[in-house]
Amino acid sequence: MAALFTGKILMANRERDEMETERELGRALENKVLLLYFGSGQCPRCRRFSPILKDFFIRLTDEFYVERASQLVLVYVSRDETEEQQRTFLRSMPRRWLAVPFGDSFKRELELRFSVAEVPTVVVLKPNGDVIVGNAVEEIQRLGTACFRNWQEAAELVDRNFLLAEDFEDWSRRSITDPIRRLKYKLDKKTEAKNKGRKEDGEEFS
């Protein structure tokens, strides 16, 4: 996948850091499903979809929600009118997002290469750059995180052991405290097992 960005610069969504070396890009993109998000912070449709995409990405990559972060990376290709608009938008998005720098002509190259005619558009790519889905906006809205499994299979990633902490459950029915309750349940079970072991040891030596 790094071949797509050979000689290009990507911005990390934190203090305007740049990733421009082949090694940095390779580490960020290798063996991962890549999402190219063509959008704008000012576009009404994008403003409705972006929070959905943000939640989708977080639930797949934030270890607060998953046992292990997925093999997923997102690059924002903006149609914002000013650099400040792009920065403002990215400040509200996950820090793990990458972005094509504002004003970079590479954005137009990507639009032409993947036939992007409207925003929002989310192009889903295999690690080798082949297209899995030309525009996954509707799929993300309809299936949520479950659609990542389809992409993962199509991408034939090396590591197939990724599991969601909640396997295909309807996240819309869950509250934000659910992960905390799950963690408490796991800790309680461990404590219960430890106390049981101590009790058995005590009976053995009594």
C-alpha atoms as a PDB file:
ATOM      1  CA  MET A   1       0.000   0.000   0.000  1.00  0.00           C
ATOM      2  CA  ALA A   2       2.899   2.348   0.674  1.00  0.00           C
ATOM      3  CA  ALA A   3       3.570   2.251  -3.093  1.00  0.00           C
ATOM      4  CA  LEU A   4       0.448   4.373  -3.612  1.00  0.00           C
ATOM      5  CA  PHE A   5       2.080   7.099  -1.527  1.00  0.00           C
ATOM      6  CA  THR A   6       5.650   6.780  -2.815  1.00  0.00           C
ATOM      7  CA  GLY A   7       7.211  10.227  -2.889  1.00  0.00           C
ATOM      8  CA  LYS A   8       4.185  11.729  -1.136  1.00  0.00           C
ATOM      9  CA  ILE A   9       3.651  13.246   2.299  1.00  0.00           C
ATOM     10  CA  LEU A  10       0.921  12.319   4.752  1.00  0.00           C
ATOM     11  CA  MET A  11       0.044  14.362   7.807  1.00  0.00           C
ATOM     12  CA  ALA A  12      -0.454  12.639  11.137  1.00  0.00           C
ATOM     13  CA  ASN A  13      -3.470  14.045  12.971  1.00  0.00           C
ATOM     14  CA  ARG A  14      -1.431  15.399  15.873  1.00  0.00           C
ATOM     15  CA  GLU A  15       0.463  18.670  15.962  1.00  0.00           C
ATOM     16  CA  ARG A  16       0.828  18.627  12.159  1.00  0.00           C
ATOM     17  CA  ASP A  17       3.493  15.907  12.193  1.00  0.00           C
ATOM     18  CA  GLU A  18       4.517  14.651   8.763  1.00  0.00           C
ATOM     19  CA  MET A  19       5.226  11.107   7.645  1.00  0.00           C
ATOM     20  CA  GLU A  20       7.191  11.263   4.449  1.00  0.00           C
ATOM     21  CA  THR A  21       9.842   8.567   4.585  1.00  0.00           C
ATOM     22  CA  GLU A  22       9.231   5.200   2.978  1.00  0.00           C
ATOM     23  CA  ARG A  23       9.853   3.490   6.309  1.00  0.00           C
ATOM     24  CA  GLU A  24       7.297   5.589   8.198  1.00  0.00           C
ATOM     25  CA  LEU A  25       4.641   5.156   5.532  1.00  0.00           C
ATOM     26  CA  GLY A  26       5.337   1.447   5.266  1.00  0.00           C
ATOM     27  CA  ARG A  27       4.924   0.965   8.994  1.00  0.00           C
ATOM     28  CA  ALA A  28       1.662   2.933   9.027  1.00  0.00           C
ATOM     29  CA  LEU A  29       0.082   1.272   5.984  1.00  0.00           C
ATOM     30  CA  GLU A  30       1.557  -2.211   5.664  1.00  0.00           C
ATOM     31  CA  ASN A  31      -0.814  -5.196   5.899  1.00  0.00           C
ATOM     32  CA  LYS A  32      -3.858  -3.050   6.645  1.00  0.00           C
ATOM     33  CA  VAL A  33      -7.172  -2.237   5.062  1.00  0.00           C
ATOM     34  CA  LEU A  34      -6.947   1.382   3.910  1.00  0.00           C
ATOM     35  CA  LEU A  35      -9.871   3.791   3.889  1.00  0.00           C
ATOM     36  CA  LEU A  36      -9.593   6.920   1.770  1.00  0.00           C
ATOM     37  CA  TYR A  37     -12.151   9.375   3.100  1.00  0.00           C
ATOM     38  CA  PHE A  38     -13.007  12.103   0.610  1.00  0.00           C
ATOM     39  CA  GLY A  39     -14.993  14.727   2.469  1.00  0.00           C
ATOM     40  CA  SER A  40     -15.306  18.259   3.773  1.00  0.00           C
ATOM     41  CA  GLY A  41     -16.052  19.752   7.148  1.00  0.00           C
ATOM     42  CA  GLN A  42     -18.411  22.228   5.477  1.00  0.00           C
ATOM     43  CA  CYS A  43     -20.425  19.778   3.363  1.00  0.00           C
ATOM     44  CA  PRO A  44     -23.854  19.084   4.987  1.00  0.00           C
ATOM     45  CA  ARG A  45     -23.842  15.407   3.960  1.00  0.00           C
ATOM     46  CA  CYS A  46     -20.280  15.001   5.246  1.00  0.00           C
ATOM     47  CA  ARG A  47     -21.199  16.656   8.534  1.00  0.00           C
ATOM     48  CA  ARG A  48     -23.910  14.050   9.001  1.00  0.00           C
ATOM     49  CA  PHE A  49     -21.700  11.136   7.975  1.00  0.00           C
ATOM     50  CA  SER A  50     -18.384  12.079   9.636  1.00  0.00           C
ATOM     51  CA  PRO A  51     -19.556  11.345  13.221  1.00  0.00           C
ATOM     52  CA  ILE A  52     -20.715   7.915  12.020  1.00  0.00           C
ATOM     53  CA  LEU A  53     -17.330   7.244  10.417  1.00  0.00           C
ATOM     54  CA  LYS A  54     -15.541   8.512  13.520  1.00  0.00           C
ATOM     55  CA  ASP A  55     -17.506   6.131  15.739  1.00  0.00           C
ATOM     56  CA  PHE A  56     -16.951   3.298  13.246  1.00  0.00           C
ATOM     57  CA  PHE A  57     -13.183   3.857  13.278  1.00  0.00           C
ATOM     58  CA  ILE A  58     -12.917   4.214  17.055  1.00  0.00           C
ATOM     59  CA  ARG A  59     -14.887   1.035  17.730  1.00  0.00           C
ATOM     60  CA  LEU A  60     -12.491  -0.901  15.502  1.00  0.00           C
ATOM     61  CA  THR A  61      -9.188   0.617  16.624  1.00  0.00           C
ATOM     62  CA  ASP A  62      -9.598   1.857  20.194  1.00  0.00           C
ATOM     63  CA  GLU A  63      -8.715  -0.824  22.741  1.00  0.00           C
ATOM     64  CA  PHE A  64     -11.425   0.575  24.984  1.00  0.00           C
ATOM     65  CA  TYR A  65     -13.827  -1.237  22.649  1.00  0.00           C
ATOM     66  CA  VAL A  66     -11.827  -4.083  21.114  1.00  0.00           C
ATOM     67  CA  GLU A  67      -9.483  -6.739  22.434  1.00  0.00           C
ATOM     68  CA  ARG A  68      -6.854  -5.648  19.927  1.00  0.00           C
ATOM     69  CA  ALA A  69      -6.776  -2.767  17.447  1.00  0.00           C
ATOM     70  CA  SER A  70      -7.760  -3.818  13.951  1.00  0.00           C
ATOM     71  CA  GLN A  71      -5.604  -3.698  10.847  1.00  0.00           C
ATOM     72  CA  LEU A  72      -7.240  -0.536   9.617  1.00  0.00           C
ATOM     73  CA  VAL A  73      -5.904   2.865   8.606  1.00  0.00           C
ATOM     74  CA  LEU A  74      -7.752   5.940   7.348  1.00  0.00           C
ATOM     75  CA  VAL A  75      -6.434   8.773   5.191  1.00  0.00           C
ATOM     76  CA  TYR A  76      -8.512  11.943   4.952  1.00  0.00           C
ATOM     77  CA  VAL A  77      -8.547  13.543   1.504  1.00  0.00           C
ATOM     78  CA  SER A  78     -10.249  16.864   2.062  1.00  0.00           C
ATOM     79  CA  ARG A  79     -12.261  19.154  -0.124  1.00  0.00           C
ATOM     80  CA  ASP A  80     -12.133  21.861   2.503  1.00  0.00           C
ATOM     81  CA  GLU A  81     -11.833  25.372   1.112  1.00  0.00           C
ATOM     82  CA  THR A  82      -9.128  26.530   3.523  1.00  0.00           C
ATOM     83  CA  GLU A  83      -6.346  24.936   5.535  1.00  0.00           C
ATOM     84  CA  GLU A  84      -7.955  26.205   8.735  1.00  0.00           C
ATOM     85  CA  GLN A  85     -11.199  24.406   7.853  1.00  0.00           C
ATOM     86  CA  GLN A  86      -9.253  21.183   7.353  1.00  0.00           C
ATOM     87  CA  ARG A  87      -7.407  21.595  10.667  1.00  0.00           C
ATOM     88  CA  THR A  88     -10.641  22.376  12.502  1.00  0.00           C
ATOM     89  CA  PHE A  89     -12.300  19.280  11.089  1.00  0.00           C
ATOM     90  CA  LEU A  90      -9.371  16.994  11.895  1.00  0.00           C
ATOM     91  CA  ARG A  91      -9.181  18.250  15.476  1.00  0.00           C
ATOM     92  CA  SER A  92     -12.592  16.668  16.051  1.00  0.00           C
ATOM     93  CA  MET A  93     -11.547  13.342  14.523  1.00  0.00           C
ATOM     94  CA  PRO A  94      -9.453  10.424  15.908  1.00  0.00           C
ATOM     95  CA  ARG A  95      -5.749  11.093  16.373  1.00  0.00           C
ATOM     96  CA  ARG A  96      -4.901   7.941  14.422  1.00  0.00           C
ATOM     97  CA  TRP A  97      -6.295   9.407  11.214  1.00  0.00           C
ATOM     98  CA  LEU A  98      -3.826  10.481   8.551  1.00  0.00           C
ATOM     99  CA  ALA A  99      -4.408  13.207   5.972  1.00  0.00           C
ATOM    100  CA  VAL A 100      -3.127  14.429   2.642  1.00  0.00           C
ATOM    101  CA  PRO A 101      -1.728  17.944   3.282  1.00  0.00           C
ATOM    102  CA  PHE A 102      -3.965  20.848   2.318  1.00  0.00           C
ATOM    103  CA  GLY A 103      -3.246  22.151  -1.167  1.00  0.00           C
ATOM    104  CA  ASP A 104      -1.362  19.018  -2.241  1.00  0.00           C
ATOM    105  CA  SER A 105      -2.097  18.195  -5.900  1.00  0.00           C
ATOM    106  CA  PHE A 106      -1.998  14.521  -4.925  1.00  0.00           C
ATOM    107  CA  LYS A 107      -5.602  14.914  -3.740  1.00  0.00           C
ATOM    108  CA  ARG A 108      -6.717  15.480  -7.317  1.00  0.00           C
ATOM    109  CA  GLU A 109      -4.703  12.456  -8.459  1.00  0.00           C
ATOM    110  CA  LEU A 110      -6.525  10.277  -5.940  1.00  0.00           C
ATOM    111  CA  GLU A 111      -9.923  11.640  -6.977  1.00  0.00           C
ATOM    112  CA  LEU A 112      -9.227  10.814 -10.617  1.00  0.00           C
ATOM    113  CA  ARG A 113      -7.693   7.431  -9.895  1.00  0.00           C
ATOM    114  CA  PHE A 114     -10.678   6.255  -7.853  1.00  0.00           C
ATOM    115  CA  SER A 115     -13.349   8.107  -9.864  1.00  0.00           C
ATOM    116  CA  VAL A 116     -14.598  10.139  -6.914  1.00  0.00           C
ATOM    117  CA  ALA A 117     -17.580  12.157  -8.114  1.00  0.00           C
ATOM    118  CA  GLU A 118     -19.158  13.199  -4.812  1.00  0.00           C
ATOM    119  CA  VAL A 119     -18.563  13.582  -1.106  1.00  0.00           C
ATOM    120  CA  PRO A 120     -18.694  11.886   1.232  1.00  0.00           C
ATOM    121  CA  THR A 121     -16.916   8.939  -0.388  1.00  0.00           C
ATOM    122  CA  VAL A 122     -15.010   6.186   1.406  1.00  0.00           C
ATOM    123  CA  VAL A 123     -12.829   4.066  -0.878  1.00  0.00           C
ATOM    124  CA  VAL A 124     -11.770   0.757   0.701  1.00  0.00           C
ATOM    125  CA  LEU A 125      -8.451  -0.668  -0.508  1.00  0.00           C
ATOM    126  CA  LYS A 126      -6.475  -3.865  -0.053  1.00  0.00           C
ATOM    127  CA  PRO A 127      -2.855  -3.599   1.131  1.00  0.00           C
ATOM    128  CA  ASN A 128      -1.752  -3.945  -2.518  1.00  0.00           C
ATOM    129  CA  GLY A 129      -3.932  -1.005  -3.569  1.00  0.00           C
ATOM    130  CA  ASP A 130      -6.740  -2.986  -5.220  1.00  0.00           C
ATOM    131  CA  VAL A 131     -10.230  -1.624  -4.607  1.00  0.00           C
ATOM    132  CA  ILE A 132     -12.510  -3.625  -2.304  1.00  0.00           C
ATOM    133  CA  VAL A 133     -15.377  -1.111  -2.260  1.00  0.00           C
ATOM    134  CA  GLY A 134     -15.599   1.971  -4.468  1.00  0.00           C
ATOM    135  CA  ASN A 135     -17.744   3.868  -1.969  1.00  0.00           C
ATOM    136  CA  ALA A 136     -18.519   2.282   1.397  1.00  0.00           C
ATOM    137  CA  VAL A 137     -20.560   5.148   2.863  1.00  0.00           C
ATOM    138  CA  GLU A 138     -23.888   3.323   2.606  1.00  0.00           C
ATOM    139  CA  GLU A 139     -22.359   0.047   3.810  1.00  0.00           C
ATOM    140  CA  ILE A 140     -20.857   1.689   6.894  1.00  0.00           C
ATOM    141  CA  GLN A 141     -24.162   3.366   7.705  1.00  0.00           C
ATOM    142  CA  ARG A 142     -26.107   0.133   7.237  1.00  0.00           C
ATOM    143  CA  LEU A 143     -23.806  -2.515   8.736  1.00  0.00           C
ATOM    144  CA  GLY A 144     -21.549  -0.591  11.087  1.00  0.00           C
ATOM    145  CA  THR A 145     -18.391  -2.358  12.256  1.00  0.00           C
ATOM    146  CA  ALA A 146     -19.609  -5.713  10.925  1.00  0.00           C
ATOM    147  CA  CYS A 147     -18.627  -4.716   7.386  1.00  0.00           C
ATOM    148  CA  PHE A 148     -14.952  -4.658   8.384  1.00  0.00           C
ATOM    149  CA  ARG A 149     -14.969  -8.445   8.554  1.00  0.00           C
ATOM    150  CA  ASN A 150     -16.015  -8.598   4.910  1.00  0.00           C
ATOM    151  CA  TRP A 151     -13.192  -6.248   3.944  1.00  0.00           C
ATOM    152  CA  GLN A 152     -10.702  -8.160   6.057  1.00  0.00           C
ATOM    153  CA  GLU A 153     -11.548 -11.390   4.268  1.00  0.00           C
ATOM    154  CA  ALA A 154     -11.340  -9.722   0.856  1.00  0.00           C
ATOM    155  CA  ALA A 155      -8.006  -8.103   1.734  1.00  0.00           C
ATOM    156  CA  GLU A 156      -6.482 -11.455   2.783  1.00  0.00           C
ATOM    157  CA  LEU A 157      -4.511  -9.873   5.601  1.00  0.00           C
ATOM    158  CA  VAL A 158      -1.731 -11.907   7.163  1.00  0.00           C
ATOM    159  CA  ASP A 159      -3.222 -11.820  10.650  1.00  0.00           C
ATOM    160  CA  ARG A 160      -6.746 -13.243  10.696  1.00  0.00           C
ATOM    161  CA  ASN A 161      -7.079 -13.432  14.483  1.00  0.00           C
ATOM    162  CA  PHE A 162      -8.735 -10.038  14.968  1.00  0.00           C
ATOM    163  CA  LEU A 163     -11.889 -10.275  17.055  1.00  0.00           C
ATOM    164  CA  LEU A 164     -14.243  -7.557  18.157  1.00  0.00           C
ATOM    165  CA  ALA A 165     -14.811  -7.443  21.900  1.00  0.00           C
ATOM    166  CA  GLU A 166     -18.523  -7.566  21.123  1.00  0.00           C
ATOM    167  CA  ASP A 167     -19.008  -9.914  18.188  1.00  0.00           C
ATOM    168  CA  PHE A 168     -21.526  -8.412  15.726  1.00  0.00           C
ATOM    169  CA  GLU A 169     -23.694  -6.953  18.482  1.00  0.00           C
ATOM    170  CA  ASP A 170     -25.889  -3.929  17.911  1.00  0.00           C
ATOM    171  CA  TRP A 171     -23.810  -1.081  19.327  1.00  0.00           C
ATOM    172  CA  SER A 172     -26.702   1.350  19.061  1.00  0.00           C
ATOM    173  CA  ARG A 173     -28.408  -0.419  21.958  1.00  0.00           C
ATOM    174  CA  ARG A 174     -25.388  -0.068  24.231  1.00  0.00           C
ATOM    175  CA  SER A 175     -24.420   2.745  26.546  1.00  0.00           C
ATOM    176  CA  ILE A 176     -20.961   4.259  26.851  1.00  0.00           C
ATOM    177  CA  THR A 177     -20.510   2.527  30.223  1.00  0.00           C
ATOM    178  CA  ASP A 178     -20.784  -0.975  28.745  1.00  0.00           C
ATOM    179  CA  PRO A 179     -17.008  -1.428  28.262  1.00  0.00           C
ATOM    180  CA  ILE A 180     -16.484  -0.436  31.915  1.00  0.00           C
ATOM    181  CA  ARG A 181     -19.070  -2.962  33.062  1.00  0.00           C
ATOM    182  CA  ARG A 182     -17.446  -5.651  30.903  1.00  0.00           C
ATOM    183  CA  LEU A 183     -14.047  -4.876  32.437  1.00  0.00           C
ATOM    184  CA  LYS A 184     -15.516  -4.983  35.948  1.00  0.00           C
ATOM    185  CA  TYR A 185     -17.127  -8.335  35.144  1.00  0.00           C
ATOM    186  CA  LYS A 186     -13.783  -9.745  33.967  1.00  0.00           C
ATOM    187  CA  LEU A 187     -12.000  -8.469  37.086  1.00  0.00           C
ATOM    188  CA  ASP A 188     -14.734  -9.866  39.339  1.00  0.00           C
ATOM    189  CA  LYS A 189     -14.430 -13.272  37.669  1.00  0.00           C
ATOM    190  CA  LYS A 190     -10.653 -13.246  38.147  1.00  0.00           C
ATOM    191  CA  THR A 191     -11.025 -12.271  41.811  1.00  0.00           C
ATOM    192  CA  GLU A 192     -13.634 -14.987  42.317  1.00  0.00           C
ATOM    193  CA  ALA A 193     -11.338 -17.616  40.789  1.00  0.00           C
ATOM    194  CA  LYS A 194      -8.384 -16.424  42.881  1.00  0.00           C
ATOM    195  CA  ASN A 195     -10.396 -16.525  46.122  1.00  0.00           C
ATOM    196  CA  LYS A 196     -11.675 -19.985  45.248  1.00  0.00           C
ATOM    197  CA  GLY A 197      -8.108 -21.172  44.698  1.00  0.00           C
ATOM    198  CA  ARG A 198      -6.988 -19.766  48.044  1.00  0.00           C
ATOM    199  CA  LYS A 199      -9.919 -21.432  49.797  1.00  0.00           C
ATOM    200  CA  GLU A 200      -9.089 -24.795  48.253  1.00  0.00           C
ATOM    201  CA  ASP A 201      -5.439 -24.417  49.240  1.00  0.00           C
ATOM    202  CA  GLY A 202      -6.506 -23.646  52.802  1.00  0.00           C
ATOM    203  CA  GLU A 203      -8.702 -26.746  52.973  1.00  0.00           C
ATOM    204  CA  GLU A 204      -5.882 -28.882  51.603  1.00  0.00           C
ATOM    205  CA  PHE A 205      -3.463 -27.835  54.339  1.00  0.00           C
ATOM    206  CA  SER A 206      -5.964 -27.696  57.231  1.00  0.00           C
END
